[in-house]
Protein backbone atom coordinates (compact mmCIF):
# COMPACT_ATOMS: atom_id res chain seq x y z
CA UNK A 1 0.00 0.00 0.00
CA UNK A 2 1.50 3.38 -0.97
CA UNK A 3 2.31 6.00 1.65
CA UNK A 4 -0.10 8.97 1.59
CA UNK A 5 1.34 12.25 0.33
CA UNK A 6 1.13 14.09 3.67
CA UNK A 7 2.81 11.23 5.53
CA UNK A 8 5.61 11.13 2.96
CA UNK A 9 6.12 14.90 3.30
CA UNK A 10 6.25 14.61 7.09
CA UNK A 11 8.85 11.85 6.86
CA UNK A 12 10.94 14.06 4.56
CA UNK A 13 10.55 16.91 7.08
CA UNK A 14 11.74 14.62 9.87
CA UNK A 15 14.76 13.61 7.79
CA UNK A 16 15.57 17.29 7.16
CA UNK A 17 15.23 18.07 10.88
CA UNK A 18 17.61 15.23 11.74
CA UNK A 19 20.08 16.39 9.08
CA UNK A 20 19.90 19.91 10.55
CA UNK A 21 20.59 18.54 14.02
CA UNK A 22 23.55 16.50 12.77
CA UNK A 23 24.90 19.59 11.01
CA UNK A 24 24.58 21.65 14.20
CA UNK A 25 26.33 18.99 16.27
CA UNK A 26 29.09 18.80 13.65
CA UNK A 27 29.46 22.59 13.82
CA UNK A 28 29.92 22.42 17.58
CA UNK A 29 32.35 19.48 17.64
CA UNK A 30 34.53 19.76 14.53
CA UNK A 31 37.59 22.02 14.70
CA UNK A 32 37.14 25.37 12.99
CA UNK A 33 40.51 25.07 11.29
CA UNK A 34 41.53 21.46 10.54
CA UNK A 35 45.21 22.38 10.89
CA UNK A 36 44.51 23.31 14.52
CA UNK A 37 43.32 19.80 15.30
CA UNK A 38 46.68 18.23 14.48
CA UNK A 39 48.92 20.88 16.02
CA UNK A 40 47.10 21.87 19.20
CA UNK A 41 45.50 19.77 21.82
CA UNK A 42 42.62 22.18 22.26
CA UNK A 43 41.68 23.25 18.78
CA UNK A 44 39.06 25.95 18.63
CA UNK A 45 35.73 24.35 17.94
CA UNK A 46 32.38 25.76 16.93
CA UNK A 47 31.11 25.84 20.49
CA UNK A 48 33.25 28.95 21.11
CA UNK A 49 30.38 30.87 19.53
CA UNK A 50 28.61 30.45 22.90
CA UNK A 51 31.48 32.25 24.64
CA UNK A 52 31.15 35.10 22.15
CA UNK A 53 27.39 35.30 22.63
CA UNK A 54 27.78 35.22 26.42
CA UNK A 55 30.33 38.04 26.22
CA UNK A 56 28.01 40.13 24.02
CA UNK A 57 25.07 39.61 26.39
CA UNK A 58 26.92 40.04 29.68
CA UNK A 59 29.03 43.05 28.73
CA UNK A 60 26.18 44.96 27.12
CA UNK A 61 28.08 45.43 23.86
CA UNK A 62 25.24 43.78 21.96
CA UNK A 63 23.47 47.14 21.87
CA UNK A 64 26.56 48.85 20.39
CA UNK A 65 26.29 46.79 17.20
CA UNK A 66 24.30 47.68 14.11
CA UNK A 67 20.68 46.54 13.99
CA UNK A 68 21.24 43.57 11.61
CA UNK A 69 24.19 42.38 13.71
CA UNK A 70 22.18 42.77 16.90
CA UNK A 71 19.28 40.76 15.46
CA UNK A 72 21.61 38.08 14.08
CA UNK A 73 23.54 37.62 17.33
CA UNK A 74 20.33 37.77 19.34
CA UNK A 75 18.60 35.20 17.15
CA UNK A 76 21.46 32.72 17.02
CA UNK A 77 20.59 30.97 20.33
CA UNK A 78 16.92 30.89 19.32
CA UNK A 79 17.73 29.30 15.97
CA UNK A 80 19.93 26.68 17.63
CA UNK A 81 17.11 25.91 20.06
CA UNK A 82 14.69 25.51 17.13
CA UNK A 83 17.07 23.13 15.37
CA UNK A 84 17.46 21.01 18.50
CA UNK A 85 13.73 20.92 19.30
CA UNK A 86 12.27 20.47 15.80
CA UNK A 87 12.78 16.69 15.39
CA UNK A 88 10.79 16.10 18.57
CA UNK A 89 7.96 18.45 17.59
CA UNK A 90 6.87 16.94 14.26
CA UNK A 91 3.64 15.52 15.69
CA UNK A 92 2.79 18.84 17.34
CA UNK A 93 3.66 20.86 14.23
CA UNK A 94 1.53 18.76 11.92
CA UNK A 95 -1.42 18.97 14.27
CA UNK A 96 -1.40 22.69 15.05
CA UNK A 97 -1.14 25.39 12.41
CA UNK A 98 -0.67 28.27 14.91
CA UNK A 99 2.35 26.54 16.46
CA UNK A 100 3.67 25.78 12.96
CA UNK A 101 3.33 29.46 11.99
CA UNK A 102 5.12 30.57 15.17
CA UNK A 103 8.02 28.21 14.41
CA UNK A 104 8.21 29.34 10.77
CA UNK A 105 8.20 33.03 11.73
CA UNK A 106 10.82 32.50 14.45
CA UNK A 107 13.01 30.44 12.14
CA UNK A 108 12.86 32.97 9.31
CA UNK A 109 13.39 35.87 11.74
CA UNK A 110 16.63 34.20 12.83
CA UNK A 111 17.67 32.94 9.41
CA UNK A 112 17.40 36.12 7.34
CA UNK A 113 19.55 38.46 9.49
CA UNK A 114 22.14 35.77 10.12
CA UNK A 115 22.39 35.06 6.39
CA UNK A 116 22.72 38.77 5.64
CA UNK A 117 25.41 39.13 8.31
CA UNK A 118 27.39 36.17 6.97
CA UNK A 119 27.05 37.52 3.44
CA UNK A 120 28.15 40.99 4.57
CA UNK A 121 31.22 39.55 6.33
CA UNK A 122 32.11 37.37 3.38
CA UNK A 123 32.09 40.37 1.01
CA UNK A 124 34.85 42.09 3.02
CA UNK A 125 38.26 40.62 2.10
CA UNK A 126 39.69 41.59 5.51
CA UNK A 127 37.27 39.35 7.40
CA UNK A 128 38.13 35.68 7.48
CA UNK A 129 35.09 33.57 8.27
CA UNK A 130 35.64 30.27 10.05
CA UNK A 131 35.49 27.31 7.72
CA UNK A 132 32.61 25.59 9.45
CA UNK A 133 30.20 28.53 9.40
CA UNK A 134 28.59 26.68 6.49
CA UNK A 135 27.57 23.90 8.89
CA UNK A 136 25.78 26.39 11.12
CA UNK A 137 24.02 28.00 8.18
CA UNK A 138 23.09 24.64 6.66
CA UNK A 139 21.51 23.56 9.95
CA UNK A 140 19.39 26.71 9.94
CA UNK A 141 18.39 26.31 6.28
CA UNK A 142 17.60 22.59 6.65
CA UNK A 143 15.44 23.35 9.68
CA UNK A 144 13.52 26.03 7.78
CA UNK A 145 13.08 23.73 4.79
CA UNK A 146 11.87 20.95 7.08
CA UNK A 147 9.25 23.30 8.51
CA UNK A 148 8.01 24.01 5.00
CA UNK A 149 7.60 20.26 4.36
CA UNK A 150 5.25 19.68 7.32
CA UNK A 151 1.75 18.73 6.15
CA UNK A 152 -1.45 17.96 7.98
CA UNK A 153 -2.58 14.39 7.48
CA UNK A 154 -6.23 14.25 6.49
CA UNK A 155 -8.03 11.39 8.18
CA UNK A 156 -9.41 8.76 5.87
CA UNK A 157 -13.08 8.92 5.09
CA UNK A 158 -15.06 6.32 7.01
CA UNK A 159 -16.15 3.38 4.95
CA UNK A 160 -19.89 2.88 4.87
CA UNK A 161 -21.36 -0.51 4.10
CA UNK A 162 -24.34 -0.18 1.76
CA UNK A 163 -26.38 -2.85 3.42
């Protein structure tokens, strides 16, 4: 028996959510510069972004940044939380459109400024982006794409016996 369309789309969404989670874990655990991993015992890994975010929040320098930078750095923890929580929320997301809309709006509100910030930094030849920033961005994009794949499963029509 073939899988209904909505169920197939939800399975694809779950696969995208899991791929986003794997990408986020890889961002946190892989060394930023592979040459650091062979030369130093403590190579800088992606989790140092949390130290930067903590410094921005605790020192109050977050408000000294430009508005897109402030939104991007403020939305980064939210987007990571969405990526971690999304695989466990598939049943809830397919059953409730308001919760789905809240997740889509939050995800896009974090994704757009972060993408613009990364693009702005990559345009400047003086700024050297870490090599594994692509893993962070791919986790955010895969999560957003997975949200777009969520479909509501329509219950089957009851069969009536003409007797």
